């Protein structure tokens, strides 16, 4: 055998070993998937961690492993899933509706047809927190104030704008709007650099625990909107902020607000078998999953199939039919 022939044979043999190719051989390479979440102080990030922890317990059996990435939020997650930079993501139900319908940020791009729903998770309240010394008792009092409405690419930014618009406040002209990320806003509020902040999140939230534990006294501001608002935006629903989670806030009773749901989404390119495994592990370890965060305490298996406007991924649909959750 010549030296050149030896090199060719050796290279082919090495390729077979590394790639698992060849007669009678099967690939055993682990497939890695990334979940896009949100800021580390919100509920999205630990939710991604909870999902990955449960699914990764079977990583050797399923030959798949989930990892979690902190991101800018819902809009970023949808766009990154569509481009292939993320495989799964946690997205507000309103943003899922807008993406699949080609509305809002996707008006010019058109419907995001590859987006697929997997399941919904916890309810999220559009929550308004203000410094007591700012004199903000209701939504209309934000006029002329310095307010964080959320960073571009987050679902909460549009929620904030919708709430402000509903009471006749133009966010560009009537307030001094900031675009801070959720993790940054509490510190800025406590430092006196803003008067109030919006945050769409499940409760309890680390951001609000931080904000209510500082030396500057703060309180949650009620958001009360008419029936016509909910008729115009059917993906919103009335909600409350439970004050029991925040004993240092200036409020004595639960605060009315409105909200959406957090949903778990993916793309049609992700294999049905792998999506099936993700859903199976969450639903067959349902009680364990619910214990991983207080925001999940009210979940039912049936409620996790609501608030979904994108078509179900075939892998998720297969499991739900087998489990009797879908006909």
C-alpha atoms as a PDB file:
ATOM      1  CA  UNK A   1       0.000   0.000   0.000  1.00  0.00           C
ATOM      2  CA  UNK A   2       1.385   3.377  -0.956  1.00  0.00           C
ATOM      3  CA  UNK A   3       1.606   6.183   1.595  1.00  0.00           C
ATOM      4  CA  UNK A   4      -1.170   8.071  -0.239  1.00  0.00           C
ATOM      5  CA  UNK A   5      -3.466   5.003  -0.215  1.00  0.00           C
ATOM      6  CA  UNK A   6      -2.833   4.491   3.504  1.00  0.00           C
ATOM      7  CA  UNK A   7      -3.824   8.088   4.270  1.00  0.00           C
ATOM      8  CA  UNK A   8      -7.094   7.717   2.302  1.00  0.00           C
ATOM      9  CA  UNK A   9      -8.017   4.423   4.005  1.00  0.00           C
ATOM     10  CA  UNK A  10      -7.152   5.798   7.446  1.00  0.00           C
ATOM     11  CA  UNK A  11      -9.204   8.945   6.855  1.00  0.00           C
ATOM     12  CA  UNK A  12     -12.244   6.915   5.744  1.00  0.00           C
ATOM     13  CA  UNK A  13     -11.967   4.649   8.785  1.00  0.00           C
ATOM     14  CA  UNK A  14     -11.703   7.635  11.109  1.00  0.00           C
ATOM     15  CA  UNK A  15     -14.753   9.250   9.492  1.00  0.00           C
ATOM     16  CA  UNK A  16     -16.774   6.056  10.015  1.00  0.00           C
ATOM     17  CA  UNK A  17     -15.810   5.931  13.701  1.00  0.00           C
ATOM     18  CA  UNK A  18     -16.589   9.609  14.347  1.00  0.00           C
ATOM     19  CA  UNK A  19     -19.779   9.893  12.326  1.00  0.00           C
ATOM     20  CA  UNK A  20     -21.246   6.471  13.009  1.00  0.00           C
ATOM     21  CA  UNK A  21     -21.583   5.759   9.280  1.00  0.00           C
ATOM     22  CA  UNK A  22     -21.280   2.393   7.659  1.00  0.00           C
ATOM     23  CA  UNK A  23     -23.207  -0.893   7.560  1.00  0.00           C
ATOM     24  CA  UNK A  24     -24.662  -2.008  10.879  1.00  0.00           C
ATOM     25  CA  UNK A  25     -23.619   1.178  12.659  1.00  0.00           C
ATOM     26  CA  UNK A  26     -25.949   3.860  14.102  1.00  0.00           C
ATOM     27  CA  UNK A  27     -25.265   7.446  15.064  1.00  0.00           C
ATOM     28  CA  UNK A  28     -25.322   8.155  18.805  1.00  0.00           C
ATOM     29  CA  UNK A  29     -24.527  11.851  18.722  1.00  0.00           C
ATOM     30  CA  UNK A  30     -26.465  13.962  21.219  1.00  0.00           C
ATOM     31  CA  UNK A  31     -28.600  16.706  19.666  1.00  0.00           C
ATOM     32  CA  UNK A  32     -28.366  20.033  21.487  1.00  0.00           C
ATOM     33  CA  UNK A  33     -31.277  22.471  21.547  1.00  0.00           C
ATOM     34  CA  UNK A  34     -31.353  25.979  22.991  1.00  0.00           C
ATOM     35  CA  UNK A  35     -34.315  27.566  24.782  1.00  0.00           C
ATOM     36  CA  UNK A  36     -34.627  31.357  24.574  1.00  0.00           C
ATOM     37  CA  UNK A  37     -36.037  32.832  27.784  1.00  0.00           C
ATOM     38  CA  UNK A  38     -35.865  36.399  29.122  1.00  0.00           C
ATOM     39  CA  UNK A  39     -34.119  38.368  31.856  1.00  0.00           C
ATOM     40  CA  UNK A  40     -32.646  36.426  34.763  1.00  0.00           C
ATOM     41  CA  UNK A  41     -34.913  38.153  37.334  1.00  0.00           C
ATOM     42  CA  UNK A  42     -38.150  37.155  35.589  1.00  0.00           C
ATOM     43  CA  UNK A  43     -39.991  33.852  35.449  1.00  0.00           C
ATOM     44  CA  UNK A  44     -38.981  32.970  31.861  1.00  0.00           C
ATOM     45  CA  UNK A  45     -35.390  32.153  32.776  1.00  0.00           C
ATOM     46  CA  UNK A  46     -36.200  29.706  35.621  1.00  0.00           C
ATOM     47  CA  UNK A  47     -39.006  28.283  33.459  1.00  0.00           C
ATOM     48  CA  UNK A  48     -36.496  27.432  30.759  1.00  0.00           C
ATOM     49  CA  UNK A  49     -34.303  25.922  33.445  1.00  0.00           C
ATOM     50  CA  UNK A  50     -37.189  23.856  34.815  1.00  0.00           C
ATOM     51  CA  UNK A  51     -38.062  22.465  31.384  1.00  0.00           C
ATOM     52  CA  UNK A  52     -34.449  21.628  30.555  1.00  0.00           C
ATOM     53  CA  UNK A  53     -33.840  20.017  33.963  1.00  0.00           C
ATOM     54  CA  UNK A  54     -36.743  17.619  33.593  1.00  0.00           C
ATOM     55  CA  UNK A  55     -36.044  16.717  29.947  1.00  0.00           C
ATOM     56  CA  UNK A  56     -32.282  16.405  30.472  1.00  0.00           C
ATOM     57  CA  UNK A  57     -32.878  13.695  33.070  1.00  0.00           C
ATOM     58  CA  UNK A  58     -33.516  11.469  30.031  1.00  0.00           C
ATOM     59  CA  UNK A  59     -30.686  12.885  27.913  1.00  0.00           C
ATOM     60  CA  UNK A  60     -28.955   9.523  27.508  1.00  0.00           C
ATOM     61  CA  UNK A  61     -32.162   7.800  26.463  1.00  0.00           C
ATOM     62  CA  UNK A  62     -33.362  10.502  24.078  1.00  0.00           C
ATOM     63  CA  UNK A  63     -29.924  11.563  22.813  1.00  0.00           C
ATOM     64  CA  UNK A  64     -30.914  15.198  23.234  1.00  0.00           C
ATOM     65  CA  UNK A  65     -29.967  17.947  25.652  1.00  0.00           C
ATOM     66  CA  UNK A  66     -31.607  21.310  26.282  1.00  0.00           C
ATOM     67  CA  UNK A  67     -29.659  24.424  27.225  1.00  0.00           C
ATOM     68  CA  UNK A  68     -31.023  27.790  28.358  1.00  0.00           C
ATOM     69  CA  UNK A  69     -30.156  31.270  27.142  1.00  0.00           C
ATOM     70  CA  UNK A  70     -31.145  34.582  28.751  1.00  0.00           C
ATOM     71  CA  UNK A  71     -32.511  36.846  25.986  1.00  0.00           C
ATOM     72  CA  UNK A  72     -34.304  40.121  25.351  1.00  0.00           C
ATOM     73  CA  UNK A  73     -37.701  38.425  25.539  1.00  0.00           C
ATOM     74  CA  UNK A  74     -40.624  37.418  23.352  1.00  0.00           C
ATOM     75  CA  UNK A  75     -39.955  39.293  20.103  1.00  0.00           C
ATOM     76  CA  UNK A  76     -36.296  38.342  20.163  1.00  0.00           C
ATOM     77  CA  UNK A  77     -37.185  34.704  20.829  1.00  0.00           C
ATOM     78  CA  UNK A  78     -39.640  34.512  17.915  1.00  0.00           C
ATOM     79  CA  UNK A  79     -37.177  36.087  15.499  1.00  0.00           C
ATOM     80  CA  UNK A  80     -34.292  33.907  16.700  1.00  0.00           C
ATOM     81  CA  UNK A  81     -36.411  30.757  16.348  1.00  0.00           C
ATOM     82  CA  UNK A  82     -37.386  31.765  12.825  1.00  0.00           C
ATOM     83  CA  UNK A  83     -33.744  32.436  11.860  1.00  0.00           C
ATOM     84  CA  UNK A  84     -32.488  29.205  13.429  1.00  0.00           C
ATOM     85  CA  UNK A  85     -30.476  30.880  16.213  1.00  0.00           C
ATOM     86  CA  UNK A  86     -32.811  29.313  18.809  1.00  0.00           C
ATOM     87  CA  UNK A  87     -34.741  26.036  18.742  1.00  0.00           C
ATOM     88  CA  UNK A  88     -37.332  26.714  21.443  1.00  0.00           C
ATOM     89  CA  UNK A  89     -38.468  29.868  23.168  1.00  0.00           C
ATOM     90  CA  UNK A  90     -40.820  31.269  25.780  1.00  0.00           C
ATOM     91  CA  UNK A  91     -43.121  33.864  24.253  1.00  0.00           C
ATOM     92  CA  UNK A  92     -46.059  35.882  25.517  1.00  0.00           C
ATOM     93  CA  UNK A  93     -49.379  34.686  24.100  1.00  0.00           C
ATOM     94  CA  UNK A  94     -50.072  38.080  22.515  1.00  0.00           C
ATOM     95  CA  UNK A  95     -46.723  38.001  20.732  1.00  0.00           C
ATOM     96  CA  UNK A  96     -47.390  34.468  19.505  1.00  0.00           C
ATOM     97  CA  UNK A  97     -50.703  35.687  18.076  1.00  0.00           C
ATOM     98  CA  UNK A  98     -49.089  38.701  16.406  1.00  0.00           C
ATOM     99  CA  UNK A  99     -46.218  36.679  14.939  1.00  0.00           C
ATOM    100  CA  UNK A 100     -48.423  33.983  13.402  1.00  0.00           C
ATOM    101  CA  UNK A 101     -50.839  36.655  12.127  1.00  0.00           C
ATOM    102  CA  UNK A 102     -48.163  38.968  10.675  1.00  0.00           C
ATOM    103  CA  UNK A 103     -49.008  41.888  12.978  1.00  0.00           C
ATOM    104  CA  UNK A 104     -47.023  44.420  15.040  1.00  0.00           C
ATOM    105  CA  UNK A 105     -43.266  43.791  14.575  1.00  0.00           C
ATOM    106  CA  UNK A 106     -44.073  41.208  11.886  1.00  0.00           C
ATOM    107  CA  UNK A 107     -46.335  43.441   9.800  1.00  0.00           C
ATOM    108  CA  UNK A 108     -43.706  43.901   7.087  1.00  0.00           C
ATOM    109  CA  UNK A 109     -42.400  40.322   7.277  1.00  0.00           C
ATOM    110  CA  UNK A 110     -45.823  38.714   7.142  1.00  0.00           C
ATOM    111  CA  UNK A 111     -47.084  35.674   9.084  1.00  0.00           C
ATOM    112  CA  UNK A 112     -44.316  33.616  10.672  1.00  0.00           C
ATOM    113  CA  UNK A 113     -45.585  30.348   9.257  1.00  0.00           C
ATOM    114  CA  UNK A 114     -42.843  28.093  10.626  1.00  0.00           C
ATOM    115  CA  UNK A 115     -43.690  29.019  14.209  1.00  0.00           C
ATOM    116  CA  UNK A 116     -45.298  26.136  16.118  1.00  0.00           C
ATOM    117  CA  UNK A 117     -46.903  26.011  19.557  1.00  0.00           C
ATOM    118  CA  UNK A 118     -45.854  23.394  22.121  1.00  0.00           C
ATOM    119  CA  UNK A 119     -47.734  24.345  25.310  1.00  0.00           C
ATOM    120  CA  UNK A 120     -48.638  27.348  27.440  1.00  0.00           C
ATOM    121  CA  UNK A 121     -47.374  27.876  30.941  1.00  0.00           C
ATOM    122  CA  UNK A 122     -48.126  30.425  33.663  1.00  0.00           C
ATOM    123  CA  UNK A 123     -50.283  33.558  33.497  1.00  0.00           C
ATOM    124  CA  UNK A 124     -48.418  36.870  33.433  1.00  0.00           C
ATOM    125  CA  UNK A 125     -49.678  40.222  34.674  1.00  0.00           C
ATOM    126  CA  UNK A 126     -48.745  43.521  33.078  1.00  0.00           C
ATOM    127  CA  UNK A 127     -47.578  45.023  36.349  1.00  0.00           C
ATOM    128  CA  UNK A 128     -47.038  48.715  37.114  1.00  0.00           C
ATOM    129  CA  UNK A 129     -44.875  49.672  40.091  1.00  0.00           C
ATOM    130  CA  UNK A 130     -44.347  53.301  41.115  1.00  0.00           C
ATOM    131  CA  UNK A 131     -42.490  55.204  43.806  1.00  0.00           C
ATOM    132  CA  UNK A 132     -44.858  56.426  46.513  1.00  0.00           C
ATOM    133  CA  UNK A 133     -43.270  59.888  46.362  1.00  0.00           C
ATOM    134  CA  UNK A 134     -44.132  60.151  42.628  1.00  0.00           C
ATOM    135  CA  UNK A 135     -47.838  60.540  43.417  1.00  0.00           C
ATOM    136  CA  UNK A 136     -48.998  57.908  40.905  1.00  0.00           C
ATOM    137  CA  UNK A 137     -52.326  56.430  42.000  1.00  0.00           C
ATOM    138  CA  UNK A 138     -53.711  55.324  38.625  1.00  0.00           C
ATOM    139  CA  UNK A 139     -52.579  54.835  35.035  1.00  0.00           C
ATOM    140  CA  UNK A 140     -53.486  58.388  33.961  1.00  0.00           C
ATOM    141  CA  UNK A 141     -51.094  59.812  36.573  1.00  0.00           C
ATOM    142  CA  UNK A 142     -48.134  58.589  34.495  1.00  0.00           C
ATOM    143  CA  UNK A 143     -48.492  61.594  32.199  1.00  0.00           C
ATOM    144  CA  UNK A 144     -45.333  63.691  32.429  1.00  0.00           C
ATOM    145  CA  UNK A 145     -43.522  61.033  34.495  1.00  0.00           C
ATOM    146  CA  UNK A 146     -40.301  59.146  33.854  1.00  0.00           C
ATOM    147  CA  UNK A 147     -41.388  55.557  33.131  1.00  0.00           C
ATOM    148  CA  UNK A 148     -39.641  52.372  32.018  1.00  0.00           C
ATOM    149  CA  UNK A 149     -41.824  50.652  29.414  1.00  0.00           C
ATOM    150  CA  UNK A 150     -39.418  47.800  28.589  1.00  0.00           C
ATOM    151  CA  UNK A 151     -36.589  47.134  26.194  1.00  0.00           C
ATOM    152  CA  UNK A 152     -37.126  46.823  22.440  1.00  0.00           C
ATOM    153  CA  UNK A 153     -37.579  43.142  21.605  1.00  0.00           C
ATOM    154  CA  UNK A 154     -39.543  42.407  24.762  1.00  0.00           C
ATOM    155  CA  UNK A 155     -43.233  41.581  24.889  1.00  0.00           C
ATOM    156  CA  UNK A 156     -43.766  43.906  27.846  1.00  0.00           C
ATOM    157  CA  UNK A 157     -42.938  47.005  25.790  1.00  0.00           C
ATOM    158  CA  UNK A 158     -46.018  46.589  23.591  1.00  0.00           C
ATOM    159  CA  UNK A 159     -48.117  45.692  26.641  1.00  0.00           C
ATOM    160  CA  UNK A 160     -47.039  48.951  28.255  1.00  0.00           C
ATOM    161  CA  UNK A 161     -47.864  50.921  25.113  1.00  0.00           C
ATOM    162  CA  UNK A 162     -51.288  49.255  24.842  1.00  0.00           C
ATOM    163  CA  UNK A 163     -52.095  50.154  28.461  1.00  0.00           C
ATOM    164  CA  UNK A 164     -50.949  53.751  28.044  1.00  0.00           C
ATOM    165  CA  UNK A 165     -52.813  54.177  24.745  1.00  0.00           C
ATOM    166  CA  UNK A 166     -56.011  52.865  26.356  1.00  0.00           C
ATOM    167  CA  UNK A 167     -56.072  55.888  28.705  1.00  0.00           C
ATOM    168  CA  UNK A 168     -55.002  58.423  26.078  1.00  0.00           C
ATOM    169  CA  UNK A 169     -51.278  58.608  26.857  1.00  0.00           C
ATOM    170  CA  UNK A 170     -48.835  58.737  23.942  1.00  0.00           C
ATOM    171  CA  UNK A 171     -45.633  57.033  25.080  1.00  0.00           C
ATOM    172  CA  UNK A 172     -43.488  59.116  22.739  1.00  0.00           C
ATOM    173  CA  UNK A 173     -44.823  62.520  23.759  1.00  0.00           C
ATOM    174  CA  UNK A 174     -46.690  62.320  27.068  1.00  0.00           C
ATOM    175  CA  UNK A 175     -44.140  60.504  29.238  1.00  0.00           C
ATOM    176  CA  UNK A 176     -40.377  60.249  29.460  1.00  0.00           C
ATOM    177  CA  UNK A 177     -40.080  56.656  28.314  1.00  0.00           C
ATOM    178  CA  UNK A 178     -37.096  54.446  29.115  1.00  0.00           C
ATOM    179  CA  UNK A 179     -36.256  51.160  27.365  1.00  0.00           C
ATOM    180  CA  UNK A 180     -34.441  49.358  30.154  1.00  0.00           C
ATOM    181  CA  UNK A 181     -34.335  45.585  30.535  1.00  0.00           C
ATOM    182  CA  UNK A 182     -36.384  44.149  33.377  1.00  0.00           C
ATOM    183  CA  UNK A 183     -33.301  43.264  35.436  1.00  0.00           C
ATOM    184  CA  UNK A 184     -32.037  46.860  35.341  1.00  0.00           C
ATOM    185  CA  UNK A 185     -35.269  48.722  36.071  1.00  0.00           C
ATOM    186  CA  UNK A 186     -35.733  48.035  39.834  1.00  0.00           C
ATOM    187  CA  UNK A 187     -32.337  49.499  40.711  1.00  0.00           C
ATOM    188  CA  UNK A 188     -33.006  52.563  38.577  1.00  0.00           C
ATOM    189  CA  UNK A 189     -36.382  53.064  40.277  1.00  0.00           C
ATOM    190  CA  UNK A 190     -34.840  52.750  43.738  1.00  0.00           C
ATOM    191  CA  UNK A 191     -32.098  55.224  42.776  1.00  0.00           C
ATOM    192  CA  UNK A 192     -34.735  57.810  41.896  1.00  0.00           C
ATOM    193  CA  UNK A 193     -33.884  57.976  38.203  1.00  0.00           C
ATOM    194  CA  UNK A 194     -37.376  56.900  37.118  1.00  0.00           C
ATOM    195  CA  UNK A 195     -40.786  57.269  38.726  1.00  0.00           C
ATOM    196  CA  UNK A 196     -42.374  53.988  37.664  1.00  0.00           C
ATOM    197  CA  UNK A 197     -41.835  50.797  35.705  1.00  0.00           C
ATOM    198  CA  UNK A 198     -43.922  48.311  33.758  1.00  0.00           C
ATOM    199  CA  UNK A 199     -43.061  44.617  33.771  1.00  0.00           C
ATOM    200  CA  UNK A 200     -45.035  41.728  32.284  1.00  0.00           C
ATOM    201  CA  UNK A 201     -44.220  38.756  34.470  1.00  0.00           C
ATOM    202  CA  UNK A 202     -45.557  35.862  36.483  1.00  0.00           C
ATOM    203  CA  UNK A 203     -45.652  36.319  40.230  1.00  0.00           C
ATOM    204  CA  UNK A 204     -43.721  36.104  42.448  1.00  0.00           C
ATOM    205  CA  UNK A 205     -40.958  37.907  40.572  1.00  0.00           C
ATOM    206  CA  UNK A 206     -37.392  38.482  41.711  1.00  0.00           C
ATOM    207  CA  UNK A 207     -37.452  41.932  40.135  1.00  0.00           C
ATOM    208  CA  UNK A 208     -40.415  43.031  42.255  1.00  0.00           C
ATOM    209  CA  UNK A 209     -39.001  41.417  45.382  1.00  0.00           C
ATOM    210  CA  UNK A 210     -35.883  43.514  44.834  1.00  0.00           C
ATOM    211  CA  UNK A 211     -37.829  46.695  44.093  1.00  0.00           C
ATOM    212  CA  UNK A 212     -40.071  46.394  47.166  1.00  0.00           C
ATOM    213  CA  UNK A 213     -37.154  45.694  49.520  1.00  0.00           C
ATOM    214  CA  UNK A 214     -35.329  48.995  48.995  1.00  0.00           C
ATOM    215  CA  UNK A 215     -35.250  52.210  51.009  1.00  0.00           C
ATOM    216  CA  UNK A 216     -37.442  54.089  48.511  1.00  0.00           C
ATOM    217  CA  UNK A 217     -41.055  53.155  49.220  1.00  0.00           C
ATOM    218  CA  UNK A 218     -42.950  51.761  46.240  1.00  0.00           C
ATOM    219  CA  UNK A 219     -46.473  50.581  45.493  1.00  0.00           C
ATOM    220  CA  UNK A 220     -48.265  48.659  42.768  1.00  0.00           C
ATOM    221  CA  UNK A 221     -50.603  50.796  40.663  1.00  0.00           C
ATOM    222  CA  UNK A 222     -53.978  49.357  39.599  1.00  0.00           C
ATOM    223  CA  UNK A 223     -54.621  49.034  35.878  1.00  0.00           C
ATOM    224  CA  UNK A 224     -58.371  49.055  35.273  1.00  0.00           C
ATOM    225  CA  UNK A 225     -59.453  49.026  31.622  1.00  0.00           C
ATOM    226  CA  UNK A 226     -62.919  48.973  29.993  1.00  0.00           C
ATOM    227  CA  UNK A 227     -64.585  46.008  28.299  1.00  0.00           C
ATOM    228  CA  UNK A 228     -63.899  47.621  24.918  1.00  0.00           C
ATOM    229  CA  UNK A 229     -60.162  47.146  25.503  1.00  0.00           C
ATOM    230  CA  UNK A 230     -60.580  43.390  25.898  1.00  0.00           C
ATOM    231  CA  UNK A 231     -62.849  43.242  22.859  1.00  0.00           C
ATOM    232  CA  UNK A 232     -60.144  44.948  20.794  1.00  0.00           C
ATOM    233  CA  UNK A 233     -57.335  42.741  22.173  1.00  0.00           C
ATOM    234  CA  UNK A 234     -58.809  39.246  22.737  1.00  0.00           C
ATOM    235  CA  UNK A 235     -55.460  37.816  23.882  1.00  0.00           C
ATOM    236  CA  UNK A 236     -55.600  39.963  27.040  1.00  0.00           C
ATOM    237  CA  UNK A 237     -57.552  39.085  30.176  1.00  0.00           C
ATOM    238  CA  UNK A 238     -58.078  40.694  33.567  1.00  0.00           C
ATOM    239  CA  UNK A 239     -55.669  39.589  36.292  1.00  0.00           C
ATOM    240  CA  UNK A 240     -54.450  40.523  39.760  1.00  0.00           C
ATOM    241  CA  UNK A 241     -51.078  41.106  41.385  1.00  0.00           C
ATOM    242  CA  UNK A 242     -51.021  39.041  44.623  1.00  0.00           C
ATOM    243  CA  UNK A 243     -49.710  41.320  47.377  1.00  0.00           C
ATOM    244  CA  UNK A 244     -48.942  38.379  49.677  1.00  0.00           C
ATOM    245  CA  UNK A 245     -45.738  37.869  47.683  1.00  0.00           C
ATOM    246  CA  UNK A 246     -44.578  41.440  48.379  1.00  0.00           C
ATOM    247  CA  UNK A 247     -45.082  42.325  52.067  1.00  0.00           C
ATOM    248  CA  UNK A 248     -42.883  45.435  51.811  1.00  0.00           C
ATOM    249  CA  UNK A 249     -44.980  47.088  49.089  1.00  0.00           C
ATOM    250  CA  UNK A 250     -47.200  50.024  50.007  1.00  0.00           C
ATOM    251  CA  UNK A 251     -50.377  48.112  49.086  1.00  0.00           C
ATOM    252  CA  UNK A 252     -52.597  46.251  51.529  1.00  0.00           C
ATOM    253  CA  UNK A 253     -54.764  44.331  49.034  1.00  0.00           C
ATOM    254  CA  UNK A 254     -54.325  42.520  45.718  1.00  0.00           C
ATOM    255  CA  UNK A 255     -54.041  44.946  42.814  1.00  0.00           C
ATOM    256  CA  UNK A 256     -56.152  44.639  39.646  1.00  0.00           C
ATOM    257  CA  UNK A 257     -54.336  44.504  36.324  1.00  0.00           C
ATOM    258  CA  UNK A 258     -54.466  42.632  33.012  1.00  0.00           C
ATOM    259  CA  UNK A 259     -52.362  39.890  31.564  1.00  0.00           C
ATOM    260  CA  UNK A 260     -51.311  37.306  29.000  1.00  0.00           C
ATOM    261  CA  UNK A 261     -49.897  33.792  29.205  1.00  0.00           C
ATOM    262  CA  UNK A 262     -46.355  32.577  28.785  1.00  0.00           C
ATOM    263  CA  UNK A 263     -46.178  30.027  25.967  1.00  0.00           C
ATOM    264  CA  UNK A 264     -43.520  27.567  24.836  1.00  0.00           C
ATOM    265  CA  UNK A 265     -42.908  27.560  21.086  1.00  0.00           C
ATOM    266  CA  UNK A 266     -40.602  26.040  18.509  1.00  0.00           C
ATOM    267  CA  UNK A 267     -40.158  25.734  14.740  1.00  0.00           C
ATOM    268  CA  UNK A 268     -41.459  23.147  12.294  1.00  0.00           C
ATOM    269  CA  UNK A 269     -37.860  22.146  11.478  1.00  0.00           C
ATOM    270  CA  UNK A 270     -37.342  20.657  14.957  1.00  0.00           C
ATOM    271  CA  UNK A 271     -37.979  16.888  14.636  1.00  0.00           C
ATOM    272  CA  UNK A 272     -41.386  15.700  15.847  1.00  0.00           C
ATOM    273  CA  UNK A 273     -39.783  12.909  17.905  1.00  0.00           C
ATOM    274  CA  UNK A 274     -37.740  15.385  19.952  1.00  0.00           C
ATOM    275  CA  UNK A 275     -40.666  17.750  20.560  1.00  0.00           C
ATOM    276  CA  UNK A 276     -42.737  14.712  21.585  1.00  0.00           C
ATOM    277  CA  UNK A 277     -40.087  13.796  24.161  1.00  0.00           C
ATOM    278  CA  UNK A 278     -40.076  17.333  25.596  1.00  0.00           C
ATOM    279  CA  UNK A 279     -43.861  17.376  26.007  1.00  0.00           C
ATOM    280  CA  UNK A 280     -43.987  13.834  27.369  1.00  0.00           C
ATOM    281  CA  UNK A 281     -41.433  14.540  30.095  1.00  0.00           C
ATOM    282  CA  UNK A 282     -43.136  17.756  31.251  1.00  0.00           C
ATOM    283  CA  UNK A 283     -46.634  16.242  31.310  1.00  0.00           C
ATOM    284  CA  UNK A 284     -45.605  12.911  32.829  1.00  0.00           C
ATOM    285  CA  UNK A 285     -43.629  14.746  35.531  1.00  0.00           C
ATOM    286  CA  UNK A 286     -46.337  17.355  35.925  1.00  0.00           C
ATOM    287  CA  UNK A 287     -46.475  17.558  39.730  1.00  0.00           C
ATOM    288  CA  UNK A 288     -42.693  17.818  39.926  1.00  0.00           C
ATOM    289  CA  UNK A 289     -42.742  20.570  37.318  1.00  0.00           C
ATOM    290  CA  UNK A 290     -45.383  22.556  39.244  1.00  0.00           C
ATOM    291  CA  UNK A 291     -43.168  22.567  42.332  1.00  0.00           C
ATOM    292  CA  UNK A 292     -40.268  24.201  40.528  1.00  0.00           C
ATOM    293  CA  UNK A 293     -41.736  27.743  40.748  1.00  0.00           C
ATOM    294  CA  UNK A 294     -44.631  29.308  42.705  1.00  0.00           C
ATOM    295  CA  UNK A 295     -46.028  30.793  39.454  1.00  0.00           C
ATOM    296  CA  UNK A 296     -46.885  27.250  38.291  1.00  0.00           C
ATOM    297  CA  UNK A 297     -49.057  26.397  41.299  1.00  0.00           C
ATOM    298  CA  UNK A 298     -52.350  27.062  39.479  1.00  0.00           C
ATOM    299  CA  UNK A 299     -51.433  25.085  36.352  1.00  0.00           C
ATOM    300  CA  UNK A 300     -53.511  22.192  35.070  1.00  0.00           C
ATOM    301  CA  UNK A 301     -52.674  19.995  32.126  1.00  0.00           C
ATOM    302  CA  UNK A 302     -55.770  21.304  30.350  1.00  0.00           C
ATOM    303  CA  UNK A 303     -54.802  24.952  30.935  1.00  0.00           C
ATOM    304  CA  UNK A 304     -51.445  24.316  29.268  1.00  0.00           C
ATOM    305  CA  UNK A 305     -53.260  23.822  25.965  1.00  0.00           C
ATOM    306  CA  UNK A 306     -54.968  27.241  26.115  1.00  0.00           C
ATOM    307  CA  UNK A 307     -53.705  30.591  24.851  1.00  0.00           C
ATOM    308  CA  UNK A 308     -52.068  29.014  21.803  1.00  0.00           C
ATOM    309  CA  UNK A 309     -52.675  30.708  18.458  1.00  0.00           C
ATOM    310  CA  UNK A 310     -49.869  29.146  16.409  1.00  0.00           C
ATOM    311  CA  UNK A 311     -50.540  25.621  15.069  1.00  0.00           C
ATOM    312  CA  UNK A 312     -49.395  22.834  17.358  1.00  0.00           C
ATOM    313  CA  UNK A 313     -46.101  21.190  16.469  1.00  0.00           C
ATOM    314  CA  UNK A 314     -46.846  17.630  15.214  1.00  0.00           C
ATOM    315  CA  UNK A 315     -44.729  16.157  18.011  1.00  0.00           C
ATOM    316  CA  UNK A 316     -46.767  17.975  20.668  1.00  0.00           C
ATOM    317  CA  UNK A 317     -50.040  17.095  18.965  1.00  0.00           C
ATOM    318  CA  UNK A 318     -49.084  13.416  18.916  1.00  0.00           C
ATOM    319  CA  UNK A 319     -48.545  13.354  22.672  1.00  0.00           C
ATOM    320  CA  UNK A 320     -51.757  15.253  23.489  1.00  0.00           C
ATOM    321  CA  UNK A 321     -53.813  12.810  21.421  1.00  0.00           C
ATOM    322  CA  UNK A 322     -52.165   9.815  23.063  1.00  0.00           C
ATOM    323  CA  UNK A 323     -52.797  11.333  26.508  1.00  0.00           C
ATOM    324  CA  UNK A 324     -56.435  12.059  25.727  1.00  0.00           C
ATOM    325  CA  UNK A 325     -55.961  15.829  25.975  1.00  0.00           C
ATOM    326  CA  UNK A 326     -56.862  16.276  22.312  1.00  0.00           C
ATOM    327  CA  UNK A 327     -59.288  14.392  20.095  1.00  0.00           C
END
